Amino acid sequence: MTALTLSTAAAAGLRADAIVIGVAKGTGSAGPVVAPGAEAVDKAYDGKLAGVLETLGASGAEGEVTKLPAPAGFKAPVVVAVGLGAQPEKDAAYDAEALRKAAGVAARALTGSKKAAFALPLDDAGDVGAVAEGVLLGAYTFDTYKENGKAAKNGKNGKAPLAEAAILGAKPRDRAHKAAVERATAVAEELNRARDLINTPPNDLNPEAFAAVAAAAAKEHGIKVQVLDEKALTKGGYGGILGVGAGSASGPRLVKLSYTSSKAKKHLAFVGKGITYDSGGISLKPAGHNETMKCDMSGAAAVFAAVVAAARLGLEVNVTGWLALAENMPSGSATRPGDVLRMYSGKTVEVLNTDAEGRLVLADALWAASQEKPDAIVDVATLTGAMVLALGNRTFGIMANDESFRTAVYEAAEEVGEPAWPMPLPEHLRKGMDSATADIANMGERMGGGLVAGLFLREFVGEGITWAHLDIAGPAFNEGGPFGYTPKGGTGSGVRTLVRLAELTAAGDLG
């Protein structure tokens, strides 16, 4: 993990491999504009840095990187100008997400470097935290299964992530600045741990292995953990989780992580879908749809990371995480289309499609979470392809049984830089899940499938409990190239939203 330092040192005298500055798009036909924080660098270019950058083709567009030799007198040999996007209006500060993305882009561009100094605009402690978070998330790599990754870690051939980042203009002795970096470090480290889990191949991460990782982290951070194996799940009547895992040689697990604070006045429950590999079961996925299905446990990874982050931050709120873990495989013992499962709640579900399995494991976990009567439940899941069709690959959908809570979740997501969009739960779609055989079917109308899934989950939330559902099927796994602070592969989508919800609840600002 990249080491972070706060520095008041002058950019010219700092020993580093590069100085990172920000450049924005000028208004109208104006060229690029050098952002605050880079005054010393601009002065060393006799105030002509913007013109030099424009000559090199820089525009200040988001994600743009321009490298140029450092001016005379600088100990760092290179200046890295990173695009911030549109210049803010007069006297307005740069948006925290723009800083986060710029820092992430620069960190990726400096892979293999030992040290870089970040001279980006800093208006307050929030900006310090945004830059710190962007660096830590942008510098992420997953090389566990690559020979060059092992070499890089051993200091041989291969490029290791940026080793150290000094944030210039931040104050090492300022309590708010230090707290912002500590928060960014805790959240980013846990989010990157979630990314590691998502990227781990399913032959190494089955439900039992995932549960072991969670138990080890819980022990490290003082979190109470309970793991229900097949025997305990059978005794408890968790028909949904057992039904999904029935076809696999790797048995399912339900993991409960309980972080408690002696000063807590509220209790949040987070529930995560943890299908460590999803073949579709008997309703087998077609060719070309299986290769990335190791990511179908992204919701559980997000919940796990959020609970550990809450513990590390010492938030004054009780947070319980429920990880519903199973592997969905076809075999002679697998659940068949037409089978009926008796869920933990006592309701029966006719399984019309075994590839609609996420809602089955979540249903059991939601009901288990409801028995503790938390103030709110939020579930996170890579649940439906329909949500990807509706919102694309970078935005997750939010459904809820309470409009004000749905709005609060949406605002929290926007605040931390996770694109999201409120979605409805149309009552007329519920009828499509009526079953002549069971209490409800796990499939309904094809159109609006993401909303149908949300309506199914709502059936398993305890009466009177506020609940929201995050369908992260789009942004959970990035199959394209990296952008901003988002890598190729597992992204950790949902982690920062959950942590922010916990912080707001602890502060009494959420319900």
Protein backbone atom coordinates (compact mmCIF):
# COMPACT_ATOMS: atom_id res chain seq x y z
CA MET A 1 0.00 0.00 0.00
CA THR A 2 1.28 3.46 -0.87
CA ALA A 3 2.62 5.36 2.14
CA LEU A 4 1.11 8.81 2.68
CA THR A 5 2.79 11.84 4.23
CA LEU A 6 1.61 15.41 4.76
CA SER A 7 4.22 17.99 3.83
CA THR A 8 4.68 21.74 4.06
CA ALA A 9 7.94 21.52 2.10
CA ALA A 10 8.51 23.67 -0.97
CA ALA A 11 7.99 21.77 -4.22
CA ALA A 12 11.39 22.77 -5.59
CA GLY A 13 13.40 21.32 -2.72
CA LEU A 14 11.51 18.06 -2.29
CA ARG A 15 13.36 14.92 -3.33
CA ALA A 16 10.90 12.89 -5.37
CA ASP A 17 10.53 11.17 -8.71
CA ALA A 18 7.80 13.57 -9.80
CA ILE A 19 5.73 16.61 -8.84
CA VAL A 20 2.02 16.20 -9.59
CA ILE A 21 0.04 19.35 -10.38
CA GLY A 22 -3.50 19.99 -11.51
CA VAL A 23 -4.61 21.63 -14.73
CA ALA A 24 -8.18 22.56 -15.59
CA LYS A 25 -10.07 23.36 -18.77
CA GLY A 26 -10.38 27.08 -19.24
CA THR A 27 -13.77 28.64 -19.90
CA GLY A 28 -14.86 29.30 -23.46
CA SER A 29 -11.98 29.23 -25.92
CA ALA A 30 -9.35 29.74 -23.22
CA GLY A 31 -6.59 27.18 -22.99
CA PRO A 32 -5.67 25.07 -19.97
CA VAL A 33 -5.44 26.73 -16.57
CA VAL A 34 -2.90 25.79 -13.92
CA ALA A 35 -4.79 24.92 -10.74
CA PRO A 36 -4.00 26.25 -7.25
CA GLY A 37 -1.27 24.35 -5.45
CA ALA A 38 1.12 24.60 -8.39
CA GLU A 39 2.07 28.27 -7.96
CA ALA A 40 5.72 27.50 -7.24
CA VAL A 41 5.97 25.26 -10.28
CA ASP A 42 4.32 27.86 -12.51
CA LYS A 43 6.65 30.57 -11.19
CA ALA A 44 9.67 28.43 -12.06
CA TYR A 45 8.37 28.38 -15.65
CA ASP A 46 8.22 32.20 -15.53
CA GLY A 47 4.44 32.03 -15.32
CA LYS A 48 4.19 30.36 -18.71
CA LEU A 49 3.37 26.80 -17.59
CA ALA A 50 -0.16 26.92 -19.03
CA GLY A 51 1.22 27.87 -22.44
CA VAL A 52 3.82 25.11 -22.29
CA LEU A 53 1.15 22.57 -21.45
CA GLU A 54 -1.09 23.78 -24.27
CA THR A 55 1.83 23.45 -26.70
CA LEU A 56 2.22 19.85 -25.53
CA GLY A 57 -1.44 19.21 -26.29
CA ALA A 58 -2.84 19.43 -22.78
CA SER A 59 -6.38 20.74 -22.39
CA GLY A 60 -7.11 20.04 -18.72
CA ALA A 61 -9.72 17.40 -19.55
CA GLU A 62 -10.53 14.91 -16.83
CA GLY A 63 -8.15 11.96 -16.84
CA GLU A 64 -5.57 13.62 -19.07
CA VAL A 65 -1.89 13.19 -18.12
CA THR A 66 0.95 15.32 -19.48
CA LYS A 67 4.56 14.81 -18.45
CA LEU A 68 7.29 17.42 -18.90
CA PRO A 69 10.78 18.03 -17.55
CA ALA A 70 10.84 19.85 -14.23
CA PRO A 71 12.19 23.42 -14.30
CA ALA A 72 15.74 24.27 -13.31
CA GLY A 73 16.35 24.16 -9.57
CA PHE A 74 13.83 21.39 -8.84
CA LYS A 75 15.13 18.21 -7.27
CA ALA A 76 12.32 16.19 -8.84
CA PRO A 77 13.11 15.51 -12.52
CA VAL A 78 9.54 15.40 -13.85
CA VAL A 79 6.31 17.39 -13.56
CA VAL A 80 3.11 15.40 -14.09
CA ALA A 81 0.14 17.60 -15.02
CA VAL A 82 -3.15 15.81 -14.52
CA GLY A 83 -6.51 17.02 -15.83
CA LEU A 84 -9.16 18.17 -13.35
CA GLY A 85 -11.91 18.83 -15.88
CA ALA A 86 -13.85 22.07 -16.01
CA GLN A 87 -12.49 25.00 -14.02
CA PRO A 88 -14.81 25.94 -11.11
CA GLU A 89 -16.65 29.24 -11.15
CA LYS A 90 -14.88 32.21 -9.63
CA ASP A 91 -14.05 31.74 -5.92
CA ALA A 92 -15.49 28.18 -5.96
CA ALA A 93 -13.39 25.25 -4.78
CA TYR A 94 -12.59 22.22 -6.88
CA ASP A 95 -15.00 19.35 -6.39
CA ALA A 96 -13.69 16.60 -4.08
CA GLU A 97 -14.44 13.93 -6.67
CA ALA A 98 -12.40 15.80 -9.30
CA LEU A 99 -9.45 15.82 -6.90
CA ARG A 100 -9.98 12.16 -6.06
CA LYS A 101 -10.00 11.17 -9.74
CA ALA A 102 -6.98 13.33 -10.60
CA ALA A 103 -4.95 11.87 -7.75
CA GLY A 104 -5.93 8.37 -8.83
CA VAL A 105 -4.95 8.97 -12.44
CA ALA A 106 -1.58 10.38 -11.38
CA ALA A 107 -0.93 7.47 -9.01
CA ARG A 108 -1.55 5.01 -11.84
CA ALA A 109 0.68 7.00 -14.19
CA LEU A 110 3.49 6.83 -11.62
CA THR A 111 3.50 3.06 -11.19
CA GLY A 112 7.07 2.00 -10.54
CA SER A 113 8.03 5.29 -8.87
CA LYS A 114 9.36 5.45 -5.33
CA LYS A 115 8.00 8.86 -4.36
CA ALA A 116 5.77 11.56 -5.80
CA ALA A 117 4.73 14.93 -4.43
CA PHE A 118 1.10 15.91 -5.03
CA ALA A 119 0.63 19.68 -5.37
CA LEU A 120 -3.11 19.66 -6.08
CA PRO A 121 -5.69 22.26 -4.92
CA LEU A 122 -6.45 21.95 -1.21
CA ASP A 123 -9.21 24.14 0.17
CA ASP A 124 -9.88 22.22 3.40
CA ALA A 125 -9.39 18.92 5.22
CA GLY A 126 -11.99 17.30 2.98
CA ASP A 127 -9.79 17.98 -0.04
CA VAL A 128 -6.79 16.48 1.77
CA GLY A 129 -8.84 13.33 2.38
CA ALA A 130 -10.02 13.24 -1.25
CA VAL A 131 -6.47 13.42 -2.61
CA ALA A 132 -5.29 10.80 -0.12
CA GLU A 133 -8.14 8.47 -1.03
CA GLY A 134 -7.58 8.98 -4.75
CA VAL A 135 -3.89 8.13 -4.43
CA LEU A 136 -4.51 4.97 -2.41
CA LEU A 137 -7.29 3.73 -4.67
CA GLY A 138 -5.54 4.70 -7.90
CA ALA A 139 -2.29 2.99 -6.92
CA TYR A 140 -4.06 -0.36 -6.45
CA THR A 141 -2.78 -3.37 -8.38
CA PHE A 142 -3.64 -7.07 -8.25
CA ASP A 143 -0.59 -9.07 -9.26
CA THR A 144 -0.92 -12.05 -6.94
CA TYR A 145 -1.14 -14.52 -9.79
CA LYS A 146 1.48 -12.91 -12.04
CA GLU A 147 5.16 -13.70 -12.08
CA ASN A 148 6.04 -10.04 -12.69
CA GLY A 149 3.94 -9.14 -9.65
CA LYS A 150 6.05 -11.38 -7.45
CA ALA A 151 9.19 -9.91 -9.01
CA ALA A 152 8.04 -6.36 -8.32
CA LYS A 153 7.42 -7.18 -4.69
CA ASN A 154 10.94 -8.58 -4.50
CA GLY A 155 12.45 -5.45 -6.02
CA LYS A 156 13.31 -7.20 -9.29
CA ASN A 157 11.85 -6.72 -12.75
CA GLY A 158 8.25 -5.60 -12.85
CA LYS A 159 6.67 -2.36 -11.68
CA ALA A 160 5.41 -1.99 -8.14
CA PRO A 161 2.74 0.56 -7.23
CA LEU A 162 3.80 4.09 -6.27
CA ALA A 163 5.60 3.58 -2.97
CA GLU A 164 5.12 6.98 -1.30
CA ALA A 165 2.99 10.06 -1.87
CA ALA A 166 3.63 13.39 -0.16
CA ILE A 167 0.61 15.70 -0.14
CA LEU A 168 1.97 19.23 -0.41
CA GLY A 169 0.08 22.07 1.24
CA ALA A 170 -1.40 19.74 3.86
CA LYS A 171 -0.49 20.40 7.47
CA PRO A 172 1.07 17.50 9.38
CA ARG A 173 0.13 19.00 12.75
CA ASP A 174 -3.41 19.99 11.81
CA ARG A 175 -5.82 17.67 13.60
CA ALA A 176 -8.43 17.80 10.84
CA HIS A 177 -5.87 17.10 8.12
CA LYS A 178 -4.44 14.14 10.02
CA ALA A 179 -7.93 12.77 10.68
CA ALA A 180 -8.82 13.09 6.98
CA VAL A 181 -5.77 11.03 5.98
CA GLU A 182 -6.44 8.44 8.67
CA ARG A 183 -10.02 8.07 7.45
CA ALA A 184 -8.93 7.85 3.82
CA THR A 185 -6.36 5.19 4.73
CA ALA A 186 -8.83 3.02 6.64
CA VAL A 187 -11.52 3.22 3.95
CA ALA A 188 -9.11 2.74 1.04
CA GLU A 189 -7.28 -0.18 2.62
CA GLU A 190 -10.54 -2.01 3.29
CA LEU A 191 -11.94 -1.14 -0.12
CA ASN A 192 -8.76 -2.49 -1.71
CA ARG A 193 -9.16 -5.64 0.39
CA ALA A 194 -12.63 -6.00 -1.14
CA ARG A 195 -11.08 -5.58 -4.59
CA ASP A 196 -8.59 -8.34 -3.79
CA LEU A 197 -11.41 -10.69 -2.82
CA ILE A 198 -13.39 -9.88 -5.97
CA ASN A 199 -10.34 -10.47 -8.16
CA THR A 200 -9.37 -13.75 -6.50
CA PRO A 201 -10.17 -16.74 -8.75
CA PRO A 202 -13.06 -18.91 -7.55
CA ASN A 203 -10.84 -21.98 -7.20
CA ASP A 204 -9.10 -20.11 -4.36
CA LEU A 205 -12.11 -18.24 -2.96
CA ASN A 206 -15.02 -20.51 -2.16
CA PRO A 207 -17.54 -19.77 0.63
CA GLU A 208 -15.41 -21.45 3.28
CA ALA A 209 -12.30 -19.49 2.26
CA PHE A 210 -14.21 -16.19 2.19
CA ALA A 211 -15.58 -16.92 5.66
CA ALA A 212 -12.06 -17.60 6.92
CA VAL A 213 -10.81 -14.25 5.59
CA ALA A 214 -13.71 -12.47 7.27
CA ALA A 215 -13.14 -14.28 10.56
CA ALA A 216 -9.44 -13.40 10.58
CA ALA A 217 -10.13 -9.72 9.92
CA ALA A 218 -12.84 -9.67 12.58
CA LYS A 219 -10.43 -11.07 15.15
CA GLU A 220 -7.83 -8.46 14.20
CA HIS A 221 -10.21 -5.54 14.62
CA GLY A 222 -12.29 -6.60 17.61
CA ILE A 223 -15.39 -7.55 15.63
CA LYS A 224 -17.54 -10.42 16.84
CA VAL A 225 -17.97 -13.09 14.19
CA GLN A 226 -20.32 -16.03 13.77
CA VAL A 227 -20.06 -18.48 10.86
CA LEU A 228 -22.93 -20.84 10.07
CA ASP A 229 -21.82 -23.88 8.05
CA GLU A 230 -24.05 -26.38 6.22
CA LYS A 231 -24.99 -28.18 9.43
CA ALA A 232 -25.96 -24.97 11.22
CA LEU A 233 -27.79 -23.64 8.15
CA THR A 234 -29.77 -26.87 7.89
CA LYS A 235 -30.66 -26.80 11.57
CA GLY A 236 -31.72 -23.16 11.27
CA GLY A 237 -33.83 -23.69 8.17
CA TYR A 238 -31.96 -21.42 5.78
CA GLY A 239 -33.52 -22.93 2.68
CA GLY A 240 -32.49 -20.17 0.30
CA ILE A 241 -28.77 -20.29 1.01
CA LEU A 242 -28.78 -24.09 1.15
CA GLY A 243 -30.77 -24.36 -2.07
CA VAL A 244 -28.34 -22.17 -4.02
CA GLY A 245 -25.30 -24.01 -2.66
CA ALA A 246 -26.76 -27.50 -3.10
CA GLY A 247 -25.04 -28.18 -6.43
CA SER A 248 -21.53 -27.29 -5.32
CA ALA A 249 -18.82 -29.37 -3.70
CA SER A 250 -18.05 -26.24 -1.65
CA GLY A 251 -20.69 -25.81 1.03
CA PRO A 252 -22.41 -22.44 1.68
CA ARG A 253 -21.84 -20.18 4.67
CA LEU A 254 -23.65 -17.35 6.42
CA VAL A 255 -21.22 -15.02 8.16
CA LYS A 256 -22.36 -12.50 10.74
CA LEU A 257 -19.95 -9.68 11.64
CA SER A 258 -20.93 -7.52 14.61
CA TYR A 259 -19.18 -4.24 15.34
CA THR A 260 -20.51 -2.56 18.48
CA SER A 261 -19.77 0.80 20.06
CA SER A 262 -20.46 1.56 23.72
CA LYS A 263 -21.66 5.02 22.62
CA ALA A 264 -23.96 3.82 19.86
CA LYS A 265 -27.57 4.96 19.74
CA LYS A 266 -28.42 3.39 16.39
CA HIS A 267 -27.95 0.01 14.72
CA LEU A 268 -27.40 -0.55 11.00
CA ALA A 269 -27.45 -3.92 9.27
CA PHE A 270 -25.64 -4.45 5.96
CA VAL A 271 -26.42 -7.56 3.92
CA GLY A 272 -24.23 -8.72 1.03
CA LYS A 273 -24.73 -11.19 -1.79
CA GLY A 274 -21.73 -13.51 -1.81
CA ILE A 275 -21.96 -15.92 -4.73
CA THR A 276 -18.29 -16.83 -5.03
CA TYR A 277 -18.94 -18.24 -8.49
CA ASP A 278 -22.16 -18.15 -10.47
CA SER A 279 -22.50 -20.65 -13.29
CA GLY A 280 -26.25 -20.12 -13.33
CA GLY A 281 -26.80 -23.58 -11.89
CA ILE A 282 -29.11 -25.85 -13.88
CA SER A 283 -30.25 -22.72 -15.74
CA LEU A 284 -26.69 -22.54 -17.05
CA LYS A 285 -25.37 -19.24 -18.32
CA PRO A 286 -24.54 -19.18 -22.05
CA ALA A 287 -20.95 -19.14 -23.30
CA GLY A 288 -19.31 -15.76 -22.83
CA HIS A 289 -21.22 -14.96 -19.64
CA ASN A 290 -19.24 -17.09 -17.18
CA GLU A 291 -15.72 -15.68 -17.33
CA THR A 292 -16.18 -12.87 -14.81
CA MET A 293 -18.64 -14.57 -12.50
CA LYS A 294 -16.08 -14.65 -9.70
CA CYS A 295 -17.29 -11.08 -9.13
CA ASP A 296 -20.76 -12.19 -8.04
CA MET A 297 -19.66 -11.89 -4.41
CA SER A 298 -18.94 -8.16 -4.73
CA GLY A 299 -21.86 -7.24 -2.48
CA ALA A 300 -20.56 -9.42 0.36
CA ALA A 301 -17.06 -8.01 -0.19
CA ALA A 302 -18.45 -4.48 0.11
CA VAL A 303 -20.33 -5.29 3.31
CA PHE A 304 -17.28 -6.99 4.81
CA ALA A 305 -15.06 -4.01 3.98
CA ALA A 306 -17.57 -1.50 5.32
CA VAL A 307 -17.96 -3.23 8.69
CA VAL A 308 -14.18 -3.47 9.16
CA ALA A 309 -13.76 0.18 8.13
CA ALA A 310 -16.42 1.22 10.66
CA ALA A 311 -14.51 -0.65 13.35
CA ARG A 312 -11.19 0.90 12.36
CA LEU A 313 -12.74 4.37 12.43
CA GLY A 314 -14.36 3.72 15.81
CA LEU A 315 -17.74 4.99 14.63
CA GLU A 316 -20.34 5.46 17.34
CA VAL A 317 -22.91 3.20 15.73
CA ASN A 318 -23.53 -0.54 15.87
CA VAL A 319 -23.00 -2.16 12.47
CA THR A 320 -23.83 -5.77 11.70
CA GLY A 321 -22.73 -7.30 8.43
CA TRP A 322 -24.33 -10.42 6.96
CA LEU A 323 -22.40 -12.23 4.24
CA ALA A 324 -24.59 -14.74 2.38
CA LEU A 325 -21.99 -17.01 0.75
CA ALA A 326 -22.62 -19.81 -1.72
CA GLU A 327 -21.34 -21.21 -5.02
CA ASN A 328 -24.00 -21.74 -7.68
CA MET A 329 -23.10 -24.85 -9.66
CA PRO A 330 -24.94 -27.48 -11.74
CA SER A 331 -24.78 -31.08 -10.56
CA GLY A 332 -26.96 -34.01 -9.65
CA SER A 333 -27.68 -32.42 -6.28
CA ALA A 334 -28.37 -28.91 -7.60
CA THR A 335 -31.69 -27.14 -7.16
CA ARG A 336 -33.82 -27.53 -10.30
CA PRO A 337 -36.21 -25.13 -12.00
CA GLY A 338 -39.55 -26.05 -10.50
CA ASP A 339 -38.21 -26.94 -7.06
CA VAL A 340 -39.73 -25.22 -4.03
CA LEU A 341 -37.51 -23.94 -1.21
CA ARG A 342 -38.69 -23.16 2.29
CA MET A 343 -36.89 -20.01 3.32
CA TYR A 344 -35.61 -18.99 6.75
CA SER A 345 -38.66 -16.74 7.11
CA GLY A 346 -40.98 -19.72 6.61
CA LYS A 347 -42.16 -18.56 3.20
CA THR A 348 -41.88 -20.94 0.26
CA VAL A 349 -40.32 -19.94 -3.05
CA GLU A 350 -40.83 -21.68 -6.38
CA VAL A 351 -37.53 -21.55 -8.23
CA LEU A 352 -38.32 -20.86 -11.87
CA ASN A 353 -34.74 -19.92 -12.78
CA THR A 354 -31.71 -21.10 -10.82
CA ASP A 355 -29.73 -18.17 -12.23
CA ALA A 356 -31.90 -15.85 -10.17
CA GLU A 357 -30.04 -17.15 -7.12
CA GLY A 358 -28.76 -13.96 -5.51
CA ARG A 359 -32.21 -12.98 -4.30
CA LEU A 360 -32.57 -16.39 -2.65
CA VAL A 361 -29.46 -16.11 -0.47
CA LEU A 362 -30.24 -12.46 0.28
CA ALA A 363 -33.78 -13.35 1.34
CA ASP A 364 -32.51 -15.61 4.12
CA ALA A 365 -29.92 -13.06 5.24
CA LEU A 366 -32.42 -10.18 5.16
CA TRP A 367 -34.80 -12.11 7.38
CA ALA A 368 -31.97 -13.01 9.76
CA ALA A 369 -30.94 -9.35 9.92
CA SER A 370 -34.55 -8.32 10.53
CA GLN A 371 -34.78 -10.45 13.69
CA GLU A 372 -32.42 -8.03 15.45
CA LYS A 373 -34.72 -5.07 14.67
CA PRO A 374 -32.02 -2.71 13.37
CA ASP A 375 -32.87 0.91 12.63
CA ALA A 376 -32.22 0.24 8.94
CA ILE A 377 -31.05 -2.52 6.61
CA VAL A 378 -29.10 -1.95 3.42
CA ASP A 379 -28.37 -4.86 1.10
CA VAL A 380 -25.74 -4.76 -1.65
CA ALA A 381 -25.71 -7.16 -4.58
CA THR A 382 -24.63 -7.75 -8.16
CA LEU A 383 -28.20 -8.79 -8.66
CA THR A 384 -29.53 -8.23 -12.18
CA GLY A 385 -28.36 -7.72 -15.72
CA ALA A 386 -31.49 -5.62 -16.12
CA MET A 387 -29.95 -2.95 -13.89
CA VAL A 388 -26.89 -2.82 -16.14
CA LEU A 389 -29.15 -2.33 -19.15
CA ALA A 390 -30.98 0.45 -17.33
CA LEU A 391 -28.07 2.38 -15.82
CA GLY A 392 -24.92 1.22 -17.60
CA ASN A 393 -21.62 0.01 -16.21
CA ARG A 394 -20.78 2.81 -13.78
CA THR A 395 -24.02 3.54 -11.91
CA PHE A 396 -25.84 1.42 -9.34
CA GLY A 397 -29.54 1.47 -8.66
CA ILE A 398 -31.14 2.21 -5.29
CA MET A 399 -34.55 0.85 -4.27
CA ALA A 400 -36.14 1.22 -0.85
CA ASN A 401 -39.35 0.82 1.12
CA ASP A 402 -39.02 4.41 2.35
CA GLU A 403 -38.61 7.30 -0.08
CA SER A 404 -36.74 9.57 2.33
CA PHE A 405 -34.26 6.80 3.14
CA ARG A 406 -33.75 6.09 -0.54
CA THR A 407 -32.94 9.78 -1.02
CA ALA A 408 -30.52 9.72 1.92
CA VAL A 409 -28.69 6.71 0.48
CA TYR A 410 -28.52 8.38 -2.92
CA GLU A 411 -27.12 11.59 -1.43
CA ALA A 412 -24.52 9.62 0.56
CA ALA A 413 -23.42 7.81 -2.61
CA GLU A 414 -23.12 11.06 -4.54
CA GLU A 415 -21.17 12.67 -1.70
CA VAL A 416 -18.46 9.99 -1.74
CA GLY A 417 -18.26 9.82 -5.52
CA GLU A 418 -20.17 6.61 -6.24
CA PRO A 419 -22.60 7.24 -9.13
CA ALA A 420 -26.08 5.98 -8.21
CA TRP A 421 -29.68 6.53 -9.18
CA PRO A 422 -32.97 6.14 -7.26
CA MET A 423 -35.25 3.46 -8.73
CA PRO A 424 -38.92 2.71 -8.01
CA LEU A 425 -40.65 -0.42 -6.75
CA PRO A 426 -43.83 -0.46 -8.88
CA GLU A 427 -46.53 -2.43 -7.10
CA HIS A 428 -48.04 -3.79 -10.32
CA LEU A 429 -44.89 -5.85 -10.94
CA ARG A 430 -45.41 -7.85 -7.75
CA LYS A 431 -48.25 -9.87 -9.26
CA GLY A 432 -45.89 -11.40 -11.82
CA MET A 433 -44.21 -13.38 -9.03
CA ASP A 434 -47.42 -15.08 -7.92
CA SER A 435 -47.03 -18.86 -7.88
CA ALA A 436 -49.71 -21.53 -8.00
CA THR A 437 -47.39 -23.82 -6.03
CA ALA A 438 -45.60 -21.66 -3.48
CA ASP A 439 -45.96 -18.36 -1.67
CA ILE A 440 -43.89 -16.57 -4.30
CA ALA A 441 -41.75 -17.36 -7.37
CA ASN A 442 -38.20 -16.13 -7.76
CA MET A 443 -39.00 -14.70 -11.20
CA GLY A 444 -41.60 -12.29 -12.49
CA GLU A 445 -42.03 -10.12 -15.57
CA ARG A 446 -38.94 -9.90 -17.78
CA MET A 447 -39.28 -6.19 -18.39
CA GLY A 448 -38.23 -4.25 -15.32
CA GLY A 449 -36.34 -7.27 -14.03
CA GLY A 450 -34.16 -5.22 -11.67
CA LEU A 451 -37.27 -3.75 -10.04
CA VAL A 452 -38.88 -7.19 -9.82
CA ALA A 453 -35.83 -8.42 -7.92
CA GLY A 454 -36.16 -5.51 -5.51
CA LEU A 455 -39.82 -6.35 -4.92
CA PHE A 456 -38.86 -9.95 -4.19
CA LEU A 457 -36.32 -8.87 -1.57
CA ARG A 458 -38.82 -6.54 0.06
CA GLU A 459 -40.93 -9.60 0.93
CA PHE A 460 -38.19 -10.74 3.32
CA VAL A 461 -37.62 -7.50 5.23
CA GLY A 462 -39.19 -7.47 8.69
CA GLU A 463 -42.32 -5.39 9.18
CA GLY A 464 -41.64 -1.77 10.07
CA ILE A 465 -37.91 -1.90 9.26
CA THR A 466 -36.46 0.72 6.94
CA TRP A 467 -34.64 -0.96 4.05
CA ALA A 468 -32.71 -0.08 0.91
CA HIS A 469 -31.37 -2.29 -1.87
CA LEU A 470 -28.26 -1.41 -3.90
CA ASP A 471 -27.98 -3.28 -7.21
CA ILE A 472 -24.29 -2.84 -8.12
CA ALA A 473 -24.30 -5.23 -11.08
CA GLY A 474 -22.95 -2.52 -13.39
CA PRO A 475 -20.07 -0.88 -11.50
CA ALA A 476 -18.89 -3.83 -9.37
CA PHE A 477 -16.50 -5.21 -11.99
CA ASN A 478 -14.76 -3.09 -14.61
CA GLU A 479 -14.09 -5.13 -17.76
CA GLY A 480 -12.72 -2.11 -19.63
CA GLY A 481 -9.61 -0.04 -19.08
CA PRO A 482 -8.88 1.76 -15.80
CA PHE A 483 -10.18 5.29 -15.31
CA GLY A 484 -9.79 7.80 -12.52
CA TYR A 485 -9.03 5.79 -9.39
CA THR A 486 -10.96 2.77 -10.70
CA PRO A 487 -8.86 -0.21 -11.84
CA LYS A 488 -9.66 -2.94 -14.30
CA GLY A 489 -11.40 -5.80 -12.46
CA GLY A 490 -13.02 -5.56 -9.04
CA THR A 491 -13.87 -2.00 -8.04
CA GLY A 492 -15.16 -2.18 -4.47
CA SER A 493 -18.39 -0.43 -5.46
CA GLY A 494 -20.68 0.29 -2.53
CA VAL A 495 -18.03 0.30 0.20
CA ARG A 496 -17.76 4.07 0.51
CA THR A 497 -21.52 4.56 0.42
CA LEU A 498 -22.01 2.10 3.29
CA VAL A 499 -19.23 3.70 5.34
CA ARG A 500 -20.73 7.14 4.77
CA LEU A 501 -24.17 5.88 5.86
CA ALA A 502 -22.59 4.55 9.05
CA GLU A 503 -20.85 7.88 9.67
CA LEU A 504 -24.06 9.85 9.12
CA THR A 505 -25.98 7.52 11.41
CA ALA A 506 -23.32 7.85 14.13
CA ALA A 507 -23.55 11.63 13.84
CA GLY A 508 -27.34 11.53 14.12
CA ASP A 509 -27.74 12.90 10.58
CA LEU A 510 -29.52 9.90 9.09
CA GLY A 511 -33.00 9.35 10.43
